[in-house]
Amino acid sequence: LPNLGGVRLRLTLRCKAEEKEQFLLQLHSYAERLYDTLGDSIFGEETATLEQTLVQLLERNRMTIAFAESCTGG
């Protein structure tokens, strides 16, 4: 699902209750392949936004970020 902040990928599992374990293993395999392929392009899971992930990284590394604006009137 494309959006302004990136592309959201969703893996969905639909199966019968008795097939759940088998399909979960397959789903995890697909997720691992996505991580192997996309690597550092993945910035979060579930409902994490790029902004939330950035703040967490900055806090974890005791860093700050600053922005400067010039010549655009704000």
N, C-alpha and C. Protein backbone atom coordinates (compact mmCIF):
# COMPACT_ATOMS: atom_id res chain seq x y z
N LEU A 1 0.85 -1.17 0.00
CA LEU A 1 0.00 0.00 0.00
C LEU A 1 0.89 1.23 0.00
N PRO A 2 1.00 1.94 -1.10
CA PRO A 2 1.86 3.12 -1.14
C PRO A 2 1.22 4.27 -0.37
N ASN A 3 2.07 5.05 0.31
CA ASN A 3 1.62 6.26 0.97
C ASN A 3 2.76 7.26 1.00
N LEU A 4 2.53 8.42 1.57
CA LEU A 4 3.51 9.49 1.55
C LEU A 4 4.83 9.11 2.23
N GLY A 5 4.76 8.36 3.33
CA GLY A 5 5.96 8.02 4.09
C GLY A 5 6.67 6.77 3.64
N GLY A 6 6.15 6.05 2.68
CA GLY A 6 6.78 4.82 2.25
C GLY A 6 5.76 3.86 1.67
N VAL A 7 6.10 2.60 1.68
CA VAL A 7 5.20 1.56 1.17
C VAL A 7 4.93 0.59 2.31
N ARG A 8 3.67 0.34 2.57
CA ARG A 8 3.28 -0.59 3.64
C ARG A 8 3.05 -1.96 3.03
N LEU A 9 3.77 -2.94 3.55
CA LEU A 9 3.59 -4.32 3.12
C LEU A 9 2.85 -5.07 4.21
N ARG A 10 1.87 -5.85 3.83
CA ARG A 10 1.10 -6.60 4.82
C ARG A 10 1.05 -8.06 4.39
N LEU A 11 1.44 -8.93 5.30
CA LEU A 11 1.31 -10.37 5.08
C LEU A 11 0.12 -10.83 5.90
N THR A 12 -0.82 -11.49 5.25
CA THR A 12 -2.05 -11.92 5.92
C THR A 12 -2.16 -13.43 5.85
N LEU A 13 -2.55 -14.02 6.96
CA LEU A 13 -2.71 -15.46 7.05
C LEU A 13 -4.19 -15.80 7.17
N ARG A 14 -4.69 -16.59 6.24
CA ARG A 14 -6.06 -17.09 6.30
C ARG A 14 -6.01 -18.59 6.09
N CYS A 15 -6.48 -19.32 7.09
CA CYS A 15 -6.46 -20.77 6.99
C CYS A 15 -7.44 -21.36 7.99
N LYS A 16 -7.60 -22.64 7.90
CA LYS A 16 -8.42 -23.36 8.87
C LYS A 16 -7.63 -23.49 10.17
N ALA A 17 -8.32 -23.57 11.27
CA ALA A 17 -7.67 -23.63 12.58
C ALA A 17 -6.64 -24.75 12.66
N GLU A 18 -6.95 -25.91 12.09
CA GLU A 18 -6.03 -27.04 12.18
C GLU A 18 -4.79 -26.86 11.30
N GLU A 19 -4.81 -25.92 10.38
CA GLU A 19 -3.66 -25.65 9.50
C GLU A 19 -2.82 -24.48 9.98
N LYS A 20 -3.19 -23.89 11.10
CA LYS A 20 -2.56 -22.64 11.56
C LYS A 20 -1.05 -22.77 11.72
N GLU A 21 -0.58 -23.80 12.41
CA GLU A 21 0.86 -23.96 12.64
C GLU A 21 1.65 -24.04 11.34
N GLN A 22 1.17 -24.83 10.41
CA GLN A 22 1.84 -24.98 9.11
C GLN A 22 1.91 -23.65 8.38
N PHE A 23 0.80 -22.92 8.38
CA PHE A 23 0.76 -21.66 7.66
C PHE A 23 1.57 -20.58 8.37
N LEU A 24 1.64 -20.61 9.70
CA LEU A 24 2.46 -19.65 10.42
C LEU A 24 3.94 -19.82 10.06
N LEU A 25 4.38 -21.06 9.95
CA LEU A 25 5.77 -21.31 9.54
C LEU A 25 6.03 -20.75 8.14
N GLN A 26 5.08 -20.94 7.26
CA GLN A 26 5.21 -20.42 5.90
C GLN A 26 5.22 -18.89 5.91
N LEU A 27 4.37 -18.29 6.73
CA LEU A 27 4.30 -16.84 6.83
C LEU A 27 5.61 -16.27 7.35
N HIS A 28 6.18 -16.90 8.37
CA HIS A 28 7.47 -16.46 8.90
C HIS A 28 8.57 -16.59 7.85
N SER A 29 8.50 -17.62 7.04
CA SER A 29 9.47 -17.79 5.97
C SER A 29 9.38 -16.64 4.97
N TYR A 30 8.16 -16.25 4.61
CA TYR A 30 7.98 -15.12 3.69
C TYR A 30 8.51 -13.82 4.31
N ALA A 31 8.24 -13.64 5.60
CA ALA A 31 8.71 -12.43 6.28
C ALA A 31 10.24 -12.38 6.30
N GLU A 32 10.88 -13.50 6.55
CA GLU A 32 12.35 -13.55 6.54
C GLU A 32 12.90 -13.19 5.16
N ARG A 33 12.24 -13.68 4.12
CA ARG A 33 12.69 -13.37 2.76
C ARG A 33 12.55 -11.88 2.47
N LEU A 34 11.47 -11.27 2.97
CA LEU A 34 11.31 -9.82 2.81
C LEU A 34 12.43 -9.06 3.51
N TYR A 35 12.75 -9.46 4.75
CA TYR A 35 13.83 -8.80 5.47
C TYR A 35 15.16 -8.99 4.76
N ASP A 36 15.41 -10.18 4.24
CA ASP A 36 16.65 -10.42 3.50
C ASP A 36 16.73 -9.55 2.25
N THR A 37 15.62 -9.37 1.57
CA THR A 37 15.59 -8.61 0.32
C THR A 37 15.63 -7.11 0.57
N LEU A 38 14.83 -6.65 1.52
CA LEU A 38 14.68 -5.20 1.73
C LEU A 38 15.65 -4.62 2.75
N GLY A 39 16.17 -5.44 3.64
CA GLY A 39 17.19 -5.02 4.60
C GLY A 39 16.86 -3.75 5.35
N ASP A 40 17.76 -2.77 5.26
CA ASP A 40 17.63 -1.52 6.00
C ASP A 40 16.50 -0.63 5.51
N SER A 41 15.86 -1.00 4.44
CA SER A 41 14.72 -0.21 3.95
C SER A 41 13.50 -0.38 4.84
N ILE A 42 13.49 -1.44 5.66
CA ILE A 42 12.39 -1.68 6.58
C ILE A 42 12.65 -0.87 7.84
N PHE A 43 11.70 -0.02 8.22
CA PHE A 43 11.92 0.81 9.40
C PHE A 43 10.98 0.50 10.55
N GLY A 44 10.03 -0.39 10.38
CA GLY A 44 9.13 -0.70 11.49
C GLY A 44 8.19 -1.83 11.17
N GLU A 45 7.51 -2.28 12.21
CA GLU A 45 6.51 -3.32 12.07
C GLU A 45 5.24 -2.88 12.78
N GLU A 46 4.17 -3.58 12.45
CA GLU A 46 2.86 -3.29 13.02
C GLU A 46 2.46 -1.85 12.70
N THR A 47 2.27 -1.01 13.71
CA THR A 47 1.78 0.34 13.47
C THR A 47 2.88 1.40 13.58
N ALA A 48 4.14 1.00 13.64
CA ALA A 48 5.24 1.96 13.77
C ALA A 48 5.33 2.86 12.55
N THR A 49 5.46 4.14 12.80
CA THR A 49 5.63 5.10 11.70
C THR A 49 7.11 5.44 11.57
N LEU A 50 7.48 6.03 10.46
CA LEU A 50 8.86 6.46 10.25
C LEU A 50 9.26 7.46 11.33
N GLU A 51 8.35 8.37 11.66
CA GLU A 51 8.64 9.39 12.66
C GLU A 51 8.89 8.76 14.04
N GLN A 52 8.05 7.81 14.43
CA GLN A 52 8.22 7.13 15.71
C GLN A 52 9.55 6.37 15.76
N THR A 53 9.87 5.72 14.68
CA THR A 53 11.11 4.97 14.61
C THR A 53 12.32 5.89 14.72
N LEU A 54 12.27 7.03 14.05
CA LEU A 54 13.36 8.00 14.13
C LEU A 54 13.55 8.50 15.56
N VAL A 55 12.45 8.85 16.22
CA VAL A 55 12.53 9.32 17.61
C VAL A 55 13.12 8.25 18.50
N GLN A 56 12.71 7.01 18.34
CA GLN A 56 13.25 5.91 19.15
C GLN A 56 14.75 5.75 18.94
N LEU A 57 15.19 5.82 17.69
CA LEU A 57 16.62 5.70 17.40
C LEU A 57 17.41 6.85 18.00
N LEU A 58 16.88 8.06 17.88
CA LEU A 58 17.56 9.22 18.46
C LEU A 58 17.66 9.10 19.97
N GLU A 59 16.56 8.72 20.62
CA GLU A 59 16.57 8.57 22.08
C GLU A 59 17.52 7.47 22.52
N ARG A 60 17.48 6.34 21.83
CA ARG A 60 18.34 5.21 22.18
C ARG A 60 19.82 5.59 22.09
N ASN A 61 20.17 6.41 21.12
CA ASN A 61 21.56 6.81 20.92
C ASN A 61 21.90 8.15 21.55
N ARG A 62 20.96 8.67 22.36
CA ARG A 62 21.14 9.95 23.05
C ARG A 62 21.55 11.04 22.08
N MET A 63 20.80 11.14 21.00
CA MET A 63 21.08 12.13 19.96
C MET A 63 19.86 13.04 19.80
N THR A 64 20.10 14.17 19.17
CA THR A 64 19.01 15.08 18.84
C THR A 64 19.09 15.40 17.36
N ILE A 65 18.07 16.06 16.86
CA ILE A 65 18.05 16.45 15.46
C ILE A 65 17.58 17.89 15.42
N ALA A 66 18.15 18.65 14.50
CA ALA A 66 17.76 20.05 14.35
C ALA A 66 17.55 20.37 12.88
N PHE A 67 16.68 21.33 12.61
CA PHE A 67 16.38 21.75 11.26
C PHE A 67 16.55 23.25 11.17
N ALA A 68 16.99 23.73 10.03
CA ALA A 68 17.12 25.15 9.79
C ALA A 68 16.37 25.49 8.51
N GLU A 69 15.68 26.59 8.52
CA GLU A 69 14.91 27.03 7.36
C GLU A 69 15.42 28.40 6.95
N SER A 70 15.53 28.62 5.65
CA SER A 70 16.02 29.89 5.18
C SER A 70 15.41 30.21 3.82
N CYS A 71 15.04 31.44 3.62
CA CYS A 71 14.61 31.96 2.32
C CYS A 71 13.26 31.45 1.82
N THR A 72 12.50 30.75 2.62
CA THR A 72 11.20 30.29 2.14
C THR A 72 10.05 30.93 2.88
N GLY A 73 10.34 31.71 3.89
CA GLY A 73 9.30 32.38 4.65
C GLY A 73 8.57 31.46 5.60
N GLY A 74 9.17 30.34 5.96
CA GLY A 74 8.56 29.48 6.98
C GLY A 74 8.13 28.17 6.48
